[in-house]
């Protein structure tokens, strides 16, 4: 089961972006869309979709946050032709951050930003068991450089049955930022791998709410525990959103709420949304009861 769902914030393009992303990837599809009204951002559109092995969510909720290269989707391909095909689709009207070619860490790699601002890193990985495999990648930049080890240790303690995987370190001649230590690290979460890196050049952009990490919870106790451990910026708490000590935005979401989007109409969801808008930290039991009454 996927532990962390990447959540993408767009101005008005969430549905258009999800349609673009699902079009070239094998085993990909739209799960559902849902219209919201009278949110703090005005009317909004929620989208959930599947890209190969990864479930993602997105929202159109105004021009408040902008995606940048501190967060990306890392994609491993068994086949170069498949990599080329999807690179051609996603690079149209976008920009290339590192040209397609051979690098010391991979024989056929490219880093690009698509037309909506989302960053992608493509690797040729013929040894992979999947034809296409997607992972979340966090690039610790600016004041977060040097904090990857701490993040890995705290995230491992946060998620039961997780473990720290491969961790590689910069050599002295591979970086310009003295605080940069780890150039590649992994947090293994059941069937999911979260990749973390430190920017050896410091970087120009850091984490923001445009790319958040969403976690579904299955009890009030679990919900409260995650809020307690993750929230380090009280003023950022709103409708289930929190910000951790590394500047990463998380959404702690009761699973009954996400299940409701697949079974309830817009009208049936309205009292649920009205209740959510009054909450900073979402109340699992209250939301579960509201969804039960409408279901």
Protein backbone atom coordinates (compact mmCIF):
# COMPACT_ATOMS: atom_id res chain seq x y z
CA UNK A 1 0.00 0.00 0.00
CA UNK A 2 1.26 3.48 -0.88
CA UNK A 3 2.13 5.42 2.29
CA UNK A 4 2.68 8.94 0.88
CA UNK A 5 0.62 10.49 -1.92
CA UNK A 6 2.21 13.46 -3.71
CA UNK A 7 -0.22 16.38 -3.90
CA UNK A 8 0.26 19.06 -6.56
CA UNK A 9 -1.14 22.60 -6.31
CA UNK A 10 -2.02 24.46 -9.52
CA UNK A 11 -3.71 27.77 -10.27
CA UNK A 12 -6.40 26.43 -12.63
CA UNK A 13 -4.63 23.60 -14.45
CA UNK A 14 -4.94 20.54 -12.18
CA UNK A 15 -7.28 18.61 -14.48
CA UNK A 16 -5.36 19.61 -17.62
CA UNK A 17 -2.06 18.58 -16.00
CA UNK A 18 -3.44 15.24 -14.80
CA UNK A 19 -4.75 14.51 -18.29
CA UNK A 20 -1.33 15.30 -19.77
CA UNK A 21 0.48 13.09 -17.25
CA UNK A 22 -1.82 10.08 -17.65
CA UNK A 23 -1.72 10.17 -21.46
CA UNK A 24 1.82 8.82 -22.11
CA UNK A 25 2.44 6.58 -19.08
CA UNK A 26 1.40 2.91 -19.26
CA UNK A 27 -1.11 1.63 -16.69
CA UNK A 28 -2.28 5.17 -15.92
CA UNK A 29 -5.75 6.67 -15.57
CA UNK A 30 -7.90 9.30 -13.91
CA UNK A 31 -9.54 8.10 -10.69
CA UNK A 32 -11.95 10.94 -9.94
CA UNK A 33 -12.48 14.69 -9.96
CA UNK A 34 -14.51 16.75 -7.50
CA UNK A 35 -15.58 20.41 -7.53
CA UNK A 36 -15.35 22.43 -4.33
CA UNK A 37 -17.07 25.75 -3.66
CA UNK A 38 -16.57 28.50 -1.10
CA UNK A 39 -13.08 27.47 -0.03
CA UNK A 40 -10.55 30.09 1.23
CA UNK A 41 -9.20 30.05 -2.34
CA UNK A 42 -12.63 30.32 -3.94
CA UNK A 43 -13.93 27.51 -6.11
CA UNK A 44 -11.49 24.63 -6.54
CA UNK A 45 -11.16 21.32 -8.37
CA UNK A 46 -9.72 18.18 -6.77
CA UNK A 47 -8.25 15.40 -8.90
CA UNK A 48 -6.87 11.96 -8.11
CA UNK A 49 -5.02 9.95 -10.76
CA UNK A 50 -2.69 6.99 -11.23
CA UNK A 51 0.70 7.00 -12.99
CA UNK A 52 2.00 3.45 -13.31
CA UNK A 53 2.74 2.44 -9.68
CA UNK A 54 2.05 5.84 -8.08
CA UNK A 55 -1.23 7.46 -6.98
CA UNK A 56 -1.20 11.28 -7.06
CA UNK A 57 -3.60 14.06 -6.16
CA UNK A 58 -3.88 17.61 -7.45
CA UNK A 59 -5.91 20.74 -6.83
CA UNK A 60 -6.75 23.88 -8.79
CA UNK A 61 -6.98 26.51 -6.07
CA UNK A 62 -5.43 29.75 -7.25
CA UNK A 63 -2.00 31.25 -8.03
CA UNK A 64 -0.65 31.12 -4.49
CA UNK A 65 2.13 28.54 -4.78
CA UNK A 66 4.45 27.58 -7.63
CA UNK A 67 6.13 24.24 -8.26
CA UNK A 68 9.92 24.27 -8.43
CA UNK A 69 12.88 21.91 -8.78
CA UNK A 70 13.15 21.18 -5.03
CA UNK A 71 10.51 18.49 -5.56
CA UNK A 72 10.31 16.14 -8.50
CA UNK A 73 9.00 12.82 -9.71
CA UNK A 74 11.81 10.36 -10.37
CA UNK A 75 10.99 7.82 -13.10
CA UNK A 76 12.92 4.63 -13.87
CA UNK A 77 12.51 3.06 -17.32
CA UNK A 78 13.50 -0.42 -18.45
CA UNK A 79 13.45 0.72 -22.07
CA UNK A 80 15.18 3.73 -23.63
CA UNK A 81 12.56 4.09 -26.35
CA UNK A 82 9.85 4.43 -23.70
CA UNK A 83 11.94 7.04 -21.89
CA UNK A 84 12.41 8.98 -25.14
CA UNK A 85 8.70 8.84 -25.96
CA UNK A 86 7.52 10.19 -22.62
CA UNK A 87 10.33 12.75 -22.49
CA UNK A 88 9.14 14.11 -25.84
CA UNK A 89 5.57 14.45 -24.53
CA UNK A 90 6.38 16.09 -21.19
CA UNK A 91 9.14 18.39 -22.42
CA UNK A 92 6.89 20.10 -24.97
CA UNK A 93 6.48 23.75 -23.89
CA UNK A 94 8.63 23.00 -20.84
CA UNK A 95 12.36 23.32 -20.25
CA UNK A 96 15.27 20.95 -19.79
CA UNK A 97 17.31 21.37 -16.60
CA UNK A 98 19.93 18.70 -17.41
CA UNK A 99 20.14 17.50 -21.05
CA UNK A 100 19.41 13.91 -21.99
CA UNK A 101 22.66 11.98 -21.99
CA UNK A 102 25.21 9.96 -20.05
CA UNK A 103 26.19 10.98 -16.51
CA UNK A 104 28.41 9.37 -13.85
CA UNK A 105 25.33 8.25 -11.92
CA UNK A 106 23.29 6.96 -14.90
CA UNK A 107 23.97 6.04 -18.51
CA UNK A 108 20.85 7.74 -19.91
CA UNK A 109 19.34 10.51 -17.79
CA UNK A 110 17.41 13.76 -18.19
CA UNK A 111 15.96 16.31 -15.77
CA UNK A 112 13.12 18.44 -17.12
CA UNK A 113 10.38 20.79 -16.06
CA UNK A 114 7.05 20.41 -17.85
CA UNK A 115 4.76 23.20 -19.04
CA UNK A 116 3.01 23.32 -15.65
CA UNK A 117 6.24 23.62 -13.66
CA UNK A 118 6.49 20.06 -12.32
CA UNK A 119 10.03 18.64 -12.36
CA UNK A 120 10.79 15.12 -13.61
CA UNK A 121 13.98 13.07 -13.47
CA UNK A 122 14.19 10.18 -15.95
CA UNK A 123 16.64 7.29 -15.47
CA UNK A 124 17.42 4.34 -17.72
CA UNK A 125 17.19 1.36 -15.35
CA UNK A 126 17.13 -1.89 -17.37
CA UNK A 127 17.57 -3.94 -14.18
CA UNK A 128 14.25 -2.73 -12.73
CA UNK A 129 11.49 -5.27 -12.18
CA UNK A 130 8.90 -2.75 -13.47
CA UNK A 131 8.78 -1.33 -16.98
CA UNK A 132 8.11 2.12 -15.48
CA UNK A 133 8.48 3.02 -11.79
CA UNK A 134 7.81 6.43 -10.22
CA UNK A 135 9.15 7.79 -6.93
CA UNK A 136 8.94 11.07 -5.02
CA UNK A 137 12.22 12.99 -4.81
CA UNK A 138 12.94 15.82 -2.34
CA UNK A 139 15.96 18.07 -3.00
CA UNK A 140 17.04 19.84 0.20
CA UNK A 141 18.27 23.28 -0.86
CA UNK A 142 19.20 26.63 0.69
CA UNK A 143 18.81 26.50 4.50
CA UNK A 144 17.71 22.83 4.34
CA UNK A 145 21.09 21.68 2.97
CA UNK A 146 22.73 19.40 5.52
CA UNK A 147 19.44 18.19 7.05
CA UNK A 148 18.78 15.02 5.05
CA UNK A 149 20.20 12.66 7.69
CA UNK A 150 17.98 14.22 10.35
CA UNK A 151 14.95 14.00 8.04
CA UNK A 152 15.57 10.31 7.31
CA UNK A 153 15.90 9.42 10.98
CA UNK A 154 12.77 11.33 12.02
CA UNK A 155 10.72 10.04 9.09
CA UNK A 156 11.75 6.47 9.88
CA UNK A 157 10.51 6.96 13.46
CA UNK A 158 7.28 8.51 12.14
CA UNK A 159 6.21 5.61 9.91
CA UNK A 160 6.01 2.08 11.38
CA UNK A 161 7.81 -0.64 9.41
CA UNK A 162 9.86 1.89 7.43
CA UNK A 163 13.63 1.77 7.12
CA UNK A 164 16.49 3.83 5.76
CA UNK A 165 17.82 2.36 2.53
CA UNK A 166 20.85 3.34 0.45
CA UNK A 167 22.65 6.50 1.52
CA UNK A 168 25.46 7.92 -0.63
CA UNK A 169 27.69 10.88 0.26
CA UNK A 170 29.31 13.65 -1.77
CA UNK A 171 33.00 13.49 -2.42
CA UNK A 172 34.84 16.75 -1.74
CA UNK A 173 35.21 17.67 -5.43
CA UNK A 174 31.52 17.02 -6.21
CA UNK A 175 29.99 19.98 -4.36
CA UNK A 176 30.33 23.71 -3.80
CA UNK A 177 28.10 23.92 -0.72
CA UNK A 178 30.11 22.92 2.35
CA UNK A 179 27.03 21.76 4.30
CA UNK A 180 25.97 19.29 1.59
CA UNK A 181 26.72 15.76 2.73
CA UNK A 182 24.24 13.30 1.19
CA UNK A 183 23.76 13.26 -2.58
CA UNK A 184 21.30 10.35 -2.48
CA UNK A 185 19.27 8.76 0.30
CA UNK A 186 16.23 6.49 0.52
CA UNK A 187 13.39 6.01 2.95
CA UNK A 188 11.73 2.65 2.30
CA UNK A 189 8.00 2.67 3.13
CA UNK A 190 6.57 -0.80 2.50
CA UNK A 191 6.29 -0.89 -1.32
CA UNK A 192 7.23 2.78 -1.71
CA UNK A 193 10.61 4.51 -1.90
CA UNK A 194 11.03 8.19 -0.99
CA UNK A 195 14.27 9.65 -2.39
CA UNK A 196 16.02 12.57 -0.68
CA UNK A 197 19.06 14.58 -1.78
CA UNK A 198 21.05 17.63 -0.72
CA UNK A 199 21.80 20.31 -3.29
CA UNK A 200 25.57 20.42 -3.65
CA UNK A 201 25.35 23.95 -5.06
CA UNK A 202 22.95 25.36 -2.46
CA UNK A 203 20.06 25.87 -4.87
CA UNK A 204 17.77 28.80 -5.64
CA UNK A 205 14.42 27.38 -4.51
CA UNK A 206 13.19 25.37 -1.56
CA UNK A 207 10.07 23.52 -0.48
CA UNK A 208 6.64 25.13 -0.55
CA UNK A 209 2.98 24.15 -0.50
CA UNK A 210 2.80 23.54 -4.26
CA UNK A 211 4.14 20.02 -3.68
CA UNK A 212 2.91 18.49 -0.44
CA UNK A 213 3.01 14.99 1.00
CA UNK A 214 -0.39 13.55 1.79
CA UNK A 215 -0.85 10.72 4.31
CA UNK A 216 -4.14 8.88 4.84
CA UNK A 217 -5.00 7.88 8.41
CA UNK A 218 -7.18 5.07 9.76
CA UNK A 219 -8.01 6.27 13.28
CA UNK A 220 -8.29 9.39 15.40
CA UNK A 221 -5.25 8.24 17.38
CA UNK A 222 -3.08 7.91 14.29
CA UNK A 223 -4.31 11.27 13.01
CA UNK A 224 -3.45 13.04 16.26
CA UNK A 225 -0.03 11.39 16.46
CA UNK A 226 0.96 12.53 12.97
CA UNK A 227 -0.20 16.08 13.61
CA UNK A 228 1.71 16.18 16.88
CA UNK A 229 4.94 14.92 15.34
CA UNK A 230 4.85 16.76 12.02
CA UNK A 231 3.51 20.23 12.79
CA UNK A 232 6.28 22.72 13.60
CA UNK A 233 4.68 25.89 12.18
CA UNK A 234 1.36 26.45 13.98
CA UNK A 235 0.27 29.28 11.66
CA UNK A 236 0.45 26.86 8.71
CA UNK A 237 -2.17 24.56 10.18
CA UNK A 238 -5.35 24.75 8.11
CA UNK A 239 -7.78 22.11 6.85
CA UNK A 240 -5.36 19.29 7.60
CA UNK A 241 -2.22 21.00 6.27
CA UNK A 242 0.91 21.23 8.44
CA UNK A 243 4.52 22.22 7.86
CA UNK A 244 7.39 20.26 9.41
CA UNK A 245 10.72 21.51 10.75
CA UNK A 246 12.33 21.11 7.31
CA UNK A 247 9.78 23.34 5.56
CA UNK A 248 8.01 20.39 3.91
CA UNK A 249 4.21 20.65 3.70
CA UNK A 250 2.13 17.62 4.68
CA UNK A 251 -1.57 16.87 4.60
CA UNK A 252 -2.91 14.52 7.26
CA UNK A 253 -6.18 13.19 5.82
CA UNK A 254 -8.66 10.71 7.33
CA UNK A 255 -9.14 7.90 4.83
CA UNK A 256 -12.97 8.08 5.02
CA UNK A 257 -12.76 11.59 3.56
CA UNK A 258 -10.82 10.45 0.49
CA UNK A 259 -13.09 7.42 0.07
CA UNK A 260 -16.10 9.76 0.14
CA UNK A 261 -14.94 11.56 -3.00
CA UNK A 262 -15.54 8.35 -4.94
CA UNK A 263 -19.04 7.68 -3.62
CA UNK A 264 -20.68 11.00 -2.65
CA UNK A 265 -22.05 13.71 -4.91
CA UNK A 266 -21.05 17.35 -4.77
CA UNK A 267 -24.21 18.15 -2.80
CA UNK A 268 -23.61 15.29 -0.35
CA UNK A 269 -20.03 16.42 0.21
CA UNK A 270 -20.95 20.03 1.03
CA UNK A 271 -21.62 19.56 4.78
CA UNK A 272 -18.39 17.56 5.01
CA UNK A 273 -16.45 20.39 3.38
CA UNK A 274 -18.19 22.99 5.52
CA UNK A 275 -17.01 21.13 8.62
CA UNK A 276 -13.46 20.77 7.28
CA UNK A 277 -13.20 24.52 6.66
CA UNK A 278 -13.70 25.12 10.38
CA UNK A 279 -10.87 22.75 11.34
CA UNK A 280 -7.14 23.36 11.52
CA UNK A 281 -6.30 19.75 12.33
CA UNK A 282 -8.88 17.37 10.82
CA UNK A 283 -10.94 15.37 13.29
CA UNK A 284 -11.07 11.76 12.08
CA UNK A 285 -14.08 10.68 14.13
CA UNK A 286 -16.18 13.71 13.21
CA UNK A 287 -15.42 13.38 9.50
CA UNK A 288 -16.08 9.63 9.53
CA UNK A 289 -19.49 10.21 11.13
CA UNK A 290 -20.41 12.95 8.64
CA UNK A 291 -19.46 10.76 5.69
CA UNK A 292 -21.39 7.82 7.17
CA UNK A 293 -24.55 9.93 7.44
CA UNK A 294 -24.32 10.97 3.78
CA UNK A 295 -23.27 7.60 2.38
